[in-house]
Amino acid sequence: MHPDLQTLAEATPAPSAPLQRIADALKRLARFVLSTRDEGTILEPIAAELERVCAALPEASKPQGGKRQATRFHPEDLPKPNARLVNARGTHPLVGTVNPVAPPIDLHARDYQVLGDVEFDLRFEGNVGWVHGGFVAAGFDIVLVAAGRLSGHAGPTGTLQVRFEKPTPVGKALRYVAWFEKMEGRKIFVRAELRPREGEEVLAQASAVLIRFS
């Protein structure tokens, strides 16, 4: 992996085995909720068991004074100013393996490109058999920001444009391919495509302008 991608893609520190098991169970539960028939006789005992588990969770996970913890980051995730571990403990919403809503996207660099391997399951389905375009766009956002780091600089997304060429299929091995194009002042220009992992058909393409940190 390109060294500049480490803080973006790697879980730091790596999640423990129990945390990963909990995350995997939650993902399985989400897929069950979305695909099961709404039949009370089947669901009632499952709902009761889940409520029992949730009631036993530590107090830190429950509302406190009417408010829940507002961030997934803990103090130890911020080792020094402006050095936030983006995928702290694998919790990033797109690349984090323990985030129950993450596909996740597997980021790596090769030949001056950033590759993002992903398979969107039914949690991301919009129309029948198609990935909702908002999730496709979110994937572009993360790989384009990663590609911006290939310039030797980093910064957040200023503008993002996505063109959907064909429906993105659910349950298929896909690959984002992103690359750095140029810099103009503090603007970093990057582009990307989404394709099947095996094949050259372009399902969607995107461009973005990132704003380099001063």
Foldseek 3Di string as FASTA:
>chain_A
DPVLCCLVADAVVAADPVLLVVLVVLLVVLVCVVPDDPDCVVCVVVVVVVVVVVVPDDPLQDDDPNHHPPDPDDPVQPVDPPSGSCCYNQCHQANRSNPNNHQHWHWDDDPQKIKTKGAAAPSQDDPVFFGPVVVVQVVVQSRQQVQLCSVVFGFHFDDKDKDFDATHGHGFIKMKIKHWDDDDVQWTKIKIFIDGPPDDDTGMIMITIGGTDD
